[in-house]
Amino acid sequence: MNQAIWPLRLAAYPYAQPLLIGWQIADRSKDVYWIAYETALNLYLLAQDETRPLNDRYRFLLESQERFRNLLAQGDGHLATHLVLIRILLDLGERQAAVGRLENLLREMTWLAEPLHEDLQISINRPFLPPASDFDHRELQSDLGKWLQASVIETLERQRAFSSYFHNDLHLLKKVLENSNHTPEMERRERLVRLRLGMPRPPAGLNRSPRGSDGGPNAAVWDLLA
């Protein structure tokens, strides 16, 4: 397996660019799972290569999934391993399995859903991918830790139900809206849940425009609802 695959592919992603050199020069002698992890990650990235035949890409995807499952079974609990496997499950359409793993991840790594101290700097010593491709080109609005939190919570919020119409739970939405990396979609979901439940708008200091900064085709409607 070509070890140069992940540095080349991840170099296109804003979140990874400042981390690449550190990942490439890191001492892996104490990471007993590194070689297996790197192989599994490279296979996944090959599966995303649109220049390759579809049958090859699907084979790479399945092999990558098997290797990541084996890593977890062998005791590799690294956050990067969890994140990429969740992404693979979503690519394969296994939504409920991905949701279950996201929920378990939040239980096991509680910092992913809790406010981070301003002096705390989160780092990941392996190259990784966010759990959903939506975040591949998402610029960091603060530090990596908060960006990771938003990627995990938003992915869970989107995948646990096809729409916020199917649940009345504001818990995750409140958490992600406190994070500067959240998307306008999360603002719209929160506002619609509040409307459906007959809840008042957030206090003026916390009020957000649910249409986001881009306006969008329904900007006038969101202005009325905001």
C-alpha atoms as a PDB file:
ATOM      1  CA  MET A   1       0.000   0.000   0.000  1.00  0.00           C
ATOM      2  CA  ASN A   2       1.374   3.399  -1.038  1.00  0.00           C
ATOM      3  CA  GLN A   3       2.080   5.337   2.145  1.00  0.00           C
ATOM      4  CA  ALA A   4       1.881   8.636   0.260  1.00  0.00           C
ATOM      5  CA  ILE A   5      -1.862   8.351  -0.355  1.00  0.00           C
ATOM      6  CA  TRP A   6      -3.196  10.031   2.776  1.00  0.00           C
ATOM      7  CA  PRO A   7      -0.795  13.020   2.808  1.00  0.00           C
ATOM      8  CA  LEU A   8      -1.735  13.863  -0.777  1.00  0.00           C
ATOM      9  CA  ARG A   9      -5.490  13.469  -0.291  1.00  0.00           C
ATOM     10  CA  LEU A  10      -5.776  15.163   3.092  1.00  0.00           C
ATOM     11  CA  ALA A  11      -3.700  18.125   1.920  1.00  0.00           C
ATOM     12  CA  ALA A  12      -6.833  19.368   0.133  1.00  0.00           C
ATOM     13  CA  TYR A  13      -8.780  19.695   3.380  1.00  0.00           C
ATOM     14  CA  PRO A  14      -8.478  22.919   5.420  1.00  0.00           C
ATOM     15  CA  TYR A  15      -8.678  21.208   8.822  1.00  0.00           C
ATOM     16  CA  ALA A  16      -5.793  18.867   7.928  1.00  0.00           C
ATOM     17  CA  GLN A  17      -3.405  21.329   6.313  1.00  0.00           C
ATOM     18  CA  PRO A  18      -1.834  22.680   9.541  1.00  0.00           C
ATOM     19  CA  LEU A  19      -1.552  19.133  10.915  1.00  0.00           C
ATOM     20  CA  LEU A  20       0.035  17.346   7.958  1.00  0.00           C
ATOM     21  CA  ILE A  21       3.696  17.941   8.755  1.00  0.00           C
ATOM     22  CA  GLY A  22       3.212  16.828  12.350  1.00  0.00           C
ATOM     23  CA  TRP A  23       1.455  13.674  11.184  1.00  0.00           C
ATOM     24  CA  GLN A  24       4.193  12.890   8.683  1.00  0.00           C
ATOM     25  CA  ILE A  25       7.128  13.280  11.080  1.00  0.00           C
ATOM     26  CA  ALA A  26       5.425  11.759  14.136  1.00  0.00           C
ATOM     27  CA  ASP A  27       7.196   8.941  15.972  1.00  0.00           C
ATOM     28  CA  ARG A  28       4.933   5.901  15.482  1.00  0.00           C
ATOM     29  CA  SER A  29       7.107   3.449  17.408  1.00  0.00           C
ATOM     30  CA  LYS A  30       4.680   3.318  20.347  1.00  0.00           C
ATOM     31  CA  ASP A  31       1.513   3.143  18.244  1.00  0.00           C
ATOM     32  CA  VAL A  32       1.156  -0.604  17.758  1.00  0.00           C
ATOM     33  CA  TYR A  33      -1.898  -0.097  15.540  1.00  0.00           C
ATOM     34  CA  TRP A  34      -0.387   2.520  13.246  1.00  0.00           C
ATOM     35  CA  ILE A  35       0.545   0.340  10.264  1.00  0.00           C
ATOM     36  CA  ALA A  36      -2.869  -1.335  10.226  1.00  0.00           C
ATOM     37  CA  TYR A  37      -4.583   2.029  10.666  1.00  0.00           C
ATOM     38  CA  GLU A  38      -2.640   3.673   7.863  1.00  0.00           C
ATOM     39  CA  THR A  39      -3.443   0.795   5.515  1.00  0.00           C
ATOM     40  CA  ALA A  40      -7.155   0.991   6.350  1.00  0.00           C
ATOM     41  CA  LEU A  41      -7.188   4.766   5.872  1.00  0.00           C
ATOM     42  CA  ASN A  42      -5.399   4.523   2.525  1.00  0.00           C
ATOM     43  CA  LEU A  43      -7.919   1.940   1.351  1.00  0.00           C
ATOM     44  CA  TYR A  44     -10.772   4.255   2.251  1.00  0.00           C
ATOM     45  CA  LEU A  45      -9.166   7.126   0.369  1.00  0.00           C
ATOM     46  CA  LEU A  46      -8.682   4.879  -2.670  1.00  0.00           C
ATOM     47  CA  ALA A  47     -12.403   4.109  -2.492  1.00  0.00           C
ATOM     48  CA  GLN A  48     -13.081   7.840  -2.881  1.00  0.00           C
ATOM     49  CA  ASP A  49     -11.001   8.109  -6.061  1.00  0.00           C
ATOM     50  CA  GLU A  50     -13.502   8.833  -8.831  1.00  0.00           C
ATOM     51  CA  THR A  51     -10.969   7.926 -11.526  1.00  0.00           C
ATOM     52  CA  ARG A  52     -11.059   4.265 -10.488  1.00  0.00           C
ATOM     53  CA  PRO A  53     -13.654   1.693 -11.619  1.00  0.00           C
ATOM     54  CA  LEU A  54     -16.701   1.485  -9.364  1.00  0.00           C
ATOM     55  CA  ASN A  55     -16.178  -2.177  -8.564  1.00  0.00           C
ATOM     56  CA  ASP A  56     -12.632  -1.423  -7.368  1.00  0.00           C
ATOM     57  CA  ARG A  57     -13.845   1.483  -5.251  1.00  0.00           C
ATOM     58  CA  TYR A  58     -16.531  -0.651  -3.640  1.00  0.00           C
ATOM     59  CA  ARG A  59     -14.017  -3.401  -2.926  1.00  0.00           C
ATOM     60  CA  PHE A  60     -11.655  -0.900  -1.309  1.00  0.00           C
ATOM     61  CA  LEU A  61     -14.516   0.453   0.795  1.00  0.00           C
ATOM     62  CA  LEU A  62     -15.507  -2.976   2.085  1.00  0.00           C
ATOM     63  CA  GLU A  63     -11.910  -3.928   2.809  1.00  0.00           C
ATOM     64  CA  SER A  64     -11.351  -0.664   4.643  1.00  0.00           C
ATOM     65  CA  GLN A  65     -14.455  -1.281   6.744  1.00  0.00           C
ATOM     66  CA  GLU A  66     -13.255  -4.766   7.669  1.00  0.00           C
ATOM     67  CA  ARG A  67      -9.833  -3.468   8.662  1.00  0.00           C
ATOM     68  CA  PHE A  68     -11.260  -0.701  10.843  1.00  0.00           C
ATOM     69  CA  ARG A  69     -13.600  -3.174  12.541  1.00  0.00           C
ATOM     70  CA  ASN A  70     -10.627  -5.444  13.197  1.00  0.00           C
ATOM     71  CA  LEU A  71      -8.688  -2.550  14.709  1.00  0.00           C
ATOM     72  CA  LEU A  72     -11.476  -1.848  17.176  1.00  0.00           C
ATOM     73  CA  ALA A  73     -11.826  -5.541  17.985  1.00  0.00           C
ATOM     74  CA  GLN A  74      -8.090  -5.693  18.721  1.00  0.00           C
ATOM     75  CA  GLY A  75      -8.349  -2.831  21.201  1.00  0.00           C
ATOM     76  CA  ASP A  76      -7.570   0.249  19.124  1.00  0.00           C
ATOM     77  CA  GLY A  77      -9.779   2.885  20.720  1.00  0.00           C
ATOM     78  CA  HIS A  78      -8.229   5.894  18.987  1.00  0.00           C
ATOM     79  CA  LEU A  79     -10.701   8.638  18.084  1.00  0.00           C
ATOM     80  CA  ALA A  80      -9.479   8.600  14.481  1.00  0.00           C
ATOM     81  CA  THR A  81     -10.425   4.924  14.124  1.00  0.00           C
ATOM     82  CA  HIS A  82     -13.948   5.581  15.383  1.00  0.00           C
ATOM     83  CA  LEU A  83     -14.438   8.602  13.130  1.00  0.00           C
ATOM     84  CA  VAL A  84     -13.414   6.910   9.889  1.00  0.00           C
ATOM     85  CA  LEU A  85     -15.453   3.772  10.592  1.00  0.00           C
ATOM     86  CA  ILE A  86     -18.543   5.899  11.248  1.00  0.00           C
ATOM     87  CA  ARG A  87     -17.959   7.622   7.932  1.00  0.00           C
ATOM     88  CA  ILE A  88     -17.631   4.292   6.131  1.00  0.00           C
ATOM     89  CA  LEU A  89     -20.909   3.081   7.638  1.00  0.00           C
ATOM     90  CA  LEU A  90     -22.656   6.207   6.388  1.00  0.00           C
ATOM     91  CA  ASP A  91     -21.134   5.715   2.927  1.00  0.00           C
ATOM     92  CA  LEU A  92     -22.536   2.180   2.917  1.00  0.00           C
ATOM     93  CA  GLY A  93     -25.996   3.388   3.951  1.00  0.00           C
ATOM     94  CA  GLU A  94     -25.815   1.763   7.391  1.00  0.00           C
ATOM     95  CA  ARG A  95     -27.341   4.774   9.120  1.00  0.00           C
ATOM     96  CA  GLN A  96     -28.540   3.099  12.307  1.00  0.00           C
ATOM     97  CA  ALA A  97     -25.179   1.420  12.853  1.00  0.00           C
ATOM     98  CA  ALA A  98     -23.447   4.773  12.402  1.00  0.00           C
ATOM     99  CA  VAL A  99     -25.848   6.461  14.826  1.00  0.00           C
ATOM    100  CA  GLY A 100     -25.193   3.757  17.411  1.00  0.00           C
ATOM    101  CA  ARG A 101     -21.445   4.286  17.112  1.00  0.00           C
ATOM    102  CA  LEU A 102     -21.827   8.063  17.331  1.00  0.00           C
ATOM    103  CA  GLU A 103     -23.892   7.730  20.500  1.00  0.00           C
ATOM    104  CA  ASN A 104     -21.354   5.327  21.997  1.00  0.00           C
ATOM    105  CA  LEU A 105     -18.537   7.689  21.069  1.00  0.00           C
ATOM    106  CA  LEU A 106     -20.200  10.557  22.937  1.00  0.00           C
ATOM    107  CA  ARG A 107     -20.624   8.333  25.975  1.00  0.00           C
ATOM    108  CA  GLU A 108     -17.024   7.105  25.893  1.00  0.00           C
ATOM    109  CA  MET A 109     -15.377  10.428  25.041  1.00  0.00           C
ATOM    110  CA  THR A 110     -17.541  12.849  26.998  1.00  0.00           C
ATOM    111  CA  TRP A 111     -15.386  15.865  26.092  1.00  0.00           C
ATOM    112  CA  LEU A 112     -16.891  15.721  22.596  1.00  0.00           C
ATOM    113  CA  ALA A 113     -20.174  17.064  23.972  1.00  0.00           C
ATOM    114  CA  GLU A 114     -18.957  19.296  26.802  1.00  0.00           C
ATOM    115  CA  PRO A 115     -17.645  22.872  26.808  1.00  0.00           C
ATOM    116  CA  LEU A 116     -13.878  22.913  26.430  1.00  0.00           C
ATOM    117  CA  HIS A 117     -11.737  25.065  28.680  1.00  0.00           C
ATOM    118  CA  GLU A 118     -10.318  27.953  26.678  1.00  0.00           C
ATOM    119  CA  ASP A 119      -6.770  26.888  27.551  1.00  0.00           C
ATOM    120  CA  LEU A 120      -7.309  23.270  26.492  1.00  0.00           C
ATOM    121  CA  GLN A 121      -5.882  22.402  23.078  1.00  0.00           C
ATOM    122  CA  ILE A 122      -7.098  19.151  21.528  1.00  0.00           C
ATOM    123  CA  SER A 123      -4.786  17.381  19.099  1.00  0.00           C
ATOM    124  CA  ILE A 124      -5.044  14.125  17.165  1.00  0.00           C
ATOM    125  CA  ASN A 125      -1.759  12.396  16.440  1.00  0.00           C
ATOM    126  CA  ARG A 126      -3.075  10.359  13.504  1.00  0.00           C
ATOM    127  CA  PRO A 127      -4.328  11.573  10.142  1.00  0.00           C
ATOM    128  CA  PHE A 128      -8.107  11.333  10.193  1.00  0.00           C
ATOM    129  CA  LEU A 129     -11.340  12.202   8.440  1.00  0.00           C
ATOM    130  CA  PRO A 130     -14.451  13.739  10.010  1.00  0.00           C
ATOM    131  CA  PRO A 131     -17.463  11.408  10.364  1.00  0.00           C
ATOM    132  CA  ALA A 132     -19.268  13.077   7.457  1.00  0.00           C
ATOM    133  CA  SER A 133     -17.899  14.583   4.255  1.00  0.00           C
ATOM    134  CA  ASP A 134     -19.763  17.849   4.940  1.00  0.00           C
ATOM    135  CA  PHE A 135     -16.849  18.838   7.155  1.00  0.00           C
ATOM    136  CA  ASP A 136     -14.042  17.963   4.722  1.00  0.00           C
ATOM    137  CA  HIS A 137     -13.808  21.516   3.423  1.00  0.00           C
ATOM    138  CA  ARG A 138     -15.221  23.265   6.488  1.00  0.00           C
ATOM    139  CA  GLU A 139     -12.824  25.896   7.786  1.00  0.00           C
ATOM    140  CA  LEU A 140     -12.049  25.857  11.500  1.00  0.00           C
ATOM    141  CA  GLN A 141     -13.884  28.722  13.200  1.00  0.00           C
ATOM    142  CA  SER A 142     -11.934  28.231  16.406  1.00  0.00           C
ATOM    143  CA  ASP A 143      -9.677  25.387  17.523  1.00  0.00           C
ATOM    144  CA  LEU A 144      -9.599  21.778  16.359  1.00  0.00           C
ATOM    145  CA  GLY A 145     -11.360  20.494  19.474  1.00  0.00           C
ATOM    146  CA  LYS A 146     -14.485  22.583  18.895  1.00  0.00           C
ATOM    147  CA  TRP A 147     -14.445  21.750  15.198  1.00  0.00           C
ATOM    148  CA  LEU A 148     -14.375  18.038  16.082  1.00  0.00           C
ATOM    149  CA  GLN A 149     -17.242  18.504  18.523  1.00  0.00           C
ATOM    150  CA  ALA A 150     -19.361  20.174  15.857  1.00  0.00           C
ATOM    151  CA  SER A 151     -18.557  17.468  13.297  1.00  0.00           C
ATOM    152  CA  VAL A 152     -19.634  14.677  15.649  1.00  0.00           C
ATOM    153  CA  ILE A 153     -22.742  16.352  17.088  1.00  0.00           C
ATOM    154  CA  GLU A 154     -24.014  17.640  13.736  1.00  0.00           C
ATOM    155  CA  THR A 155     -23.527  14.250  12.124  1.00  0.00           C
ATOM    156  CA  LEU A 156     -25.489  12.584  14.912  1.00  0.00           C
ATOM    157  CA  GLU A 157     -28.241  15.204  14.757  1.00  0.00           C
ATOM    158  CA  ARG A 158     -28.614  14.757  10.997  1.00  0.00           C
ATOM    159  CA  GLN A 159     -28.478  10.980  10.986  1.00  0.00           C
ATOM    160  CA  ARG A 160     -30.582  10.044  14.019  1.00  0.00           C
ATOM    161  CA  ALA A 161     -33.687  11.287  12.179  1.00  0.00           C
ATOM    162  CA  PHE A 162     -34.303  12.435   8.628  1.00  0.00           C
ATOM    163  CA  SER A 163     -35.689  15.694  10.025  1.00  0.00           C
ATOM    164  CA  SER A 164     -36.064  17.355  13.421  1.00  0.00           C
ATOM    165  CA  TYR A 165     -39.801  16.916  12.767  1.00  0.00           C
ATOM    166  CA  PHE A 166     -39.404  13.322  13.944  1.00  0.00           C
ATOM    167  CA  HIS A 167     -38.089  14.238  17.391  1.00  0.00           C
ATOM    168  CA  ASN A 168     -38.623  16.980  19.963  1.00  0.00           C
ATOM    169  CA  ASP A 169     -35.142  16.860  21.438  1.00  0.00           C
ATOM    170  CA  LEU A 170     -33.297  20.163  21.694  1.00  0.00           C
ATOM    171  CA  HIS A 171     -30.416  18.694  23.703  1.00  0.00           C
ATOM    172  CA  LEU A 172     -27.967  18.161  20.838  1.00  0.00           C
ATOM    173  CA  LEU A 173     -29.072  21.275  19.002  1.00  0.00           C
ATOM    174  CA  LYS A 174     -28.383  23.459  22.030  1.00  0.00           C
ATOM    175  CA  LYS A 175     -24.918  21.975  22.346  1.00  0.00           C
ATOM    176  CA  VAL A 176     -23.957  22.469  18.732  1.00  0.00           C
ATOM    177  CA  LEU A 177     -25.371  25.988  18.561  1.00  0.00           C
ATOM    178  CA  GLU A 178     -22.971  27.008  21.313  1.00  0.00           C
ATOM    179  CA  ASN A 179     -20.182  26.026  18.920  1.00  0.00           C
ATOM    180  CA  SER A 180     -19.007  28.573  16.342  1.00  0.00           C
ATOM    181  CA  ASN A 181     -18.473  25.749  13.819  1.00  0.00           C
ATOM    182  CA  HIS A 182     -22.187  24.946  13.505  1.00  0.00           C
ATOM    183  CA  THR A 183     -24.070  25.311  10.224  1.00  0.00           C
ATOM    184  CA  PRO A 184     -27.205  27.364   9.453  1.00  0.00           C
ATOM    185  CA  GLU A 185     -29.087  24.056   9.146  1.00  0.00           C
ATOM    186  CA  MET A 186     -28.709  23.508  12.892  1.00  0.00           C
ATOM    187  CA  GLU A 187     -30.183  26.965  13.566  1.00  0.00           C
ATOM    188  CA  ARG A 188     -33.182  26.182  11.368  1.00  0.00           C
ATOM    189  CA  ARG A 189     -33.722  22.838  13.079  1.00  0.00           C
ATOM    190  CA  GLU A 190     -33.679  24.434  16.510  1.00  0.00           C
ATOM    191  CA  ARG A 191     -36.133  27.165  15.514  1.00  0.00           C
ATOM    192  CA  LEU A 192     -38.559  24.680  13.986  1.00  0.00           C
ATOM    193  CA  VAL A 193     -38.480  22.446  17.074  1.00  0.00           C
ATOM    194  CA  ARG A 194     -39.187  25.482  19.257  1.00  0.00           C
ATOM    195  CA  LEU A 195     -42.085  26.508  17.035  1.00  0.00           C
ATOM    196  CA  ARG A 196     -43.551  23.024  17.072  1.00  0.00           C
ATOM    197  CA  LEU A 197     -43.308  22.819  20.860  1.00  0.00           C
ATOM    198  CA  GLY A 198     -44.680  26.312  21.369  1.00  0.00           C
ATOM    199  CA  MET A 199     -41.489  27.391  23.088  1.00  0.00           C
ATOM    200  CA  PRO A 200     -40.392  31.034  23.256  1.00  0.00           C
ATOM    201  CA  ARG A 201     -37.504  32.348  21.255  1.00  0.00           C
ATOM    202  CA  PRO A 202     -34.058  32.264  22.866  1.00  0.00           C
ATOM    203  CA  PRO A 203     -33.095  35.339  24.938  1.00  0.00           C
ATOM    204  CA  ALA A 204     -32.044  38.320  22.856  1.00  0.00           C
ATOM    205  CA  GLY A 205     -28.374  37.763  23.621  1.00  0.00           C
ATOM    206  CA  LEU A 206     -28.569  34.226  22.271  1.00  0.00           C
ATOM    207  CA  ASN A 207     -30.876  34.899  19.348  1.00  0.00           C
ATOM    208  CA  ARG A 208     -29.612  33.707  16.010  1.00  0.00           C
ATOM    209  CA  SER A 209     -30.894  34.131  12.512  1.00  0.00           C
ATOM    210  CA  PRO A 210     -31.997  30.617  11.465  1.00  0.00           C
ATOM    211  CA  ARG A 211     -31.352  31.356   7.806  1.00  0.00           C
ATOM    212  CA  GLY A 212     -27.623  31.827   8.379  1.00  0.00           C
ATOM    213  CA  SER A 213     -25.344  34.272   6.629  1.00  0.00           C
ATOM    214  CA  ASP A 214     -26.188  33.228   3.081  1.00  0.00           C
ATOM    215  CA  GLY A 215     -29.847  34.267   3.113  1.00  0.00           C
ATOM    216  CA  GLY A 216     -31.025  31.475   0.862  1.00  0.00           C
ATOM    217  CA  PRO A 217     -34.250  31.208  -1.159  1.00  0.00           C
ATOM    218  CA  ASN A 218     -36.465  31.424   1.948  1.00  0.00           C
ATOM    219  CA  ALA A 219     -34.721  34.352   3.614  1.00  0.00           C
ATOM    220  CA  ALA A 220     -37.921  36.389   4.042  1.00  0.00           C
ATOM    221  CA  VAL A 221     -39.695  33.482   5.733  1.00  0.00           C
ATOM    222  CA  TRP A 222     -36.824  32.930   8.161  1.00  0.00           C
ATOM    223  CA  ASP A 223     -36.779  36.638   8.966  1.00  0.00           C
ATOM    224  CA  LEU A 224     -40.393  36.325  10.095  1.00  0.00           C
ATOM    225  CA  LEU A 225     -39.680  33.208  12.156  1.00  0.00           C
ATOM    226  CA  ALA A 226     -36.394  34.334  13.693  1.00  0.00           C
END
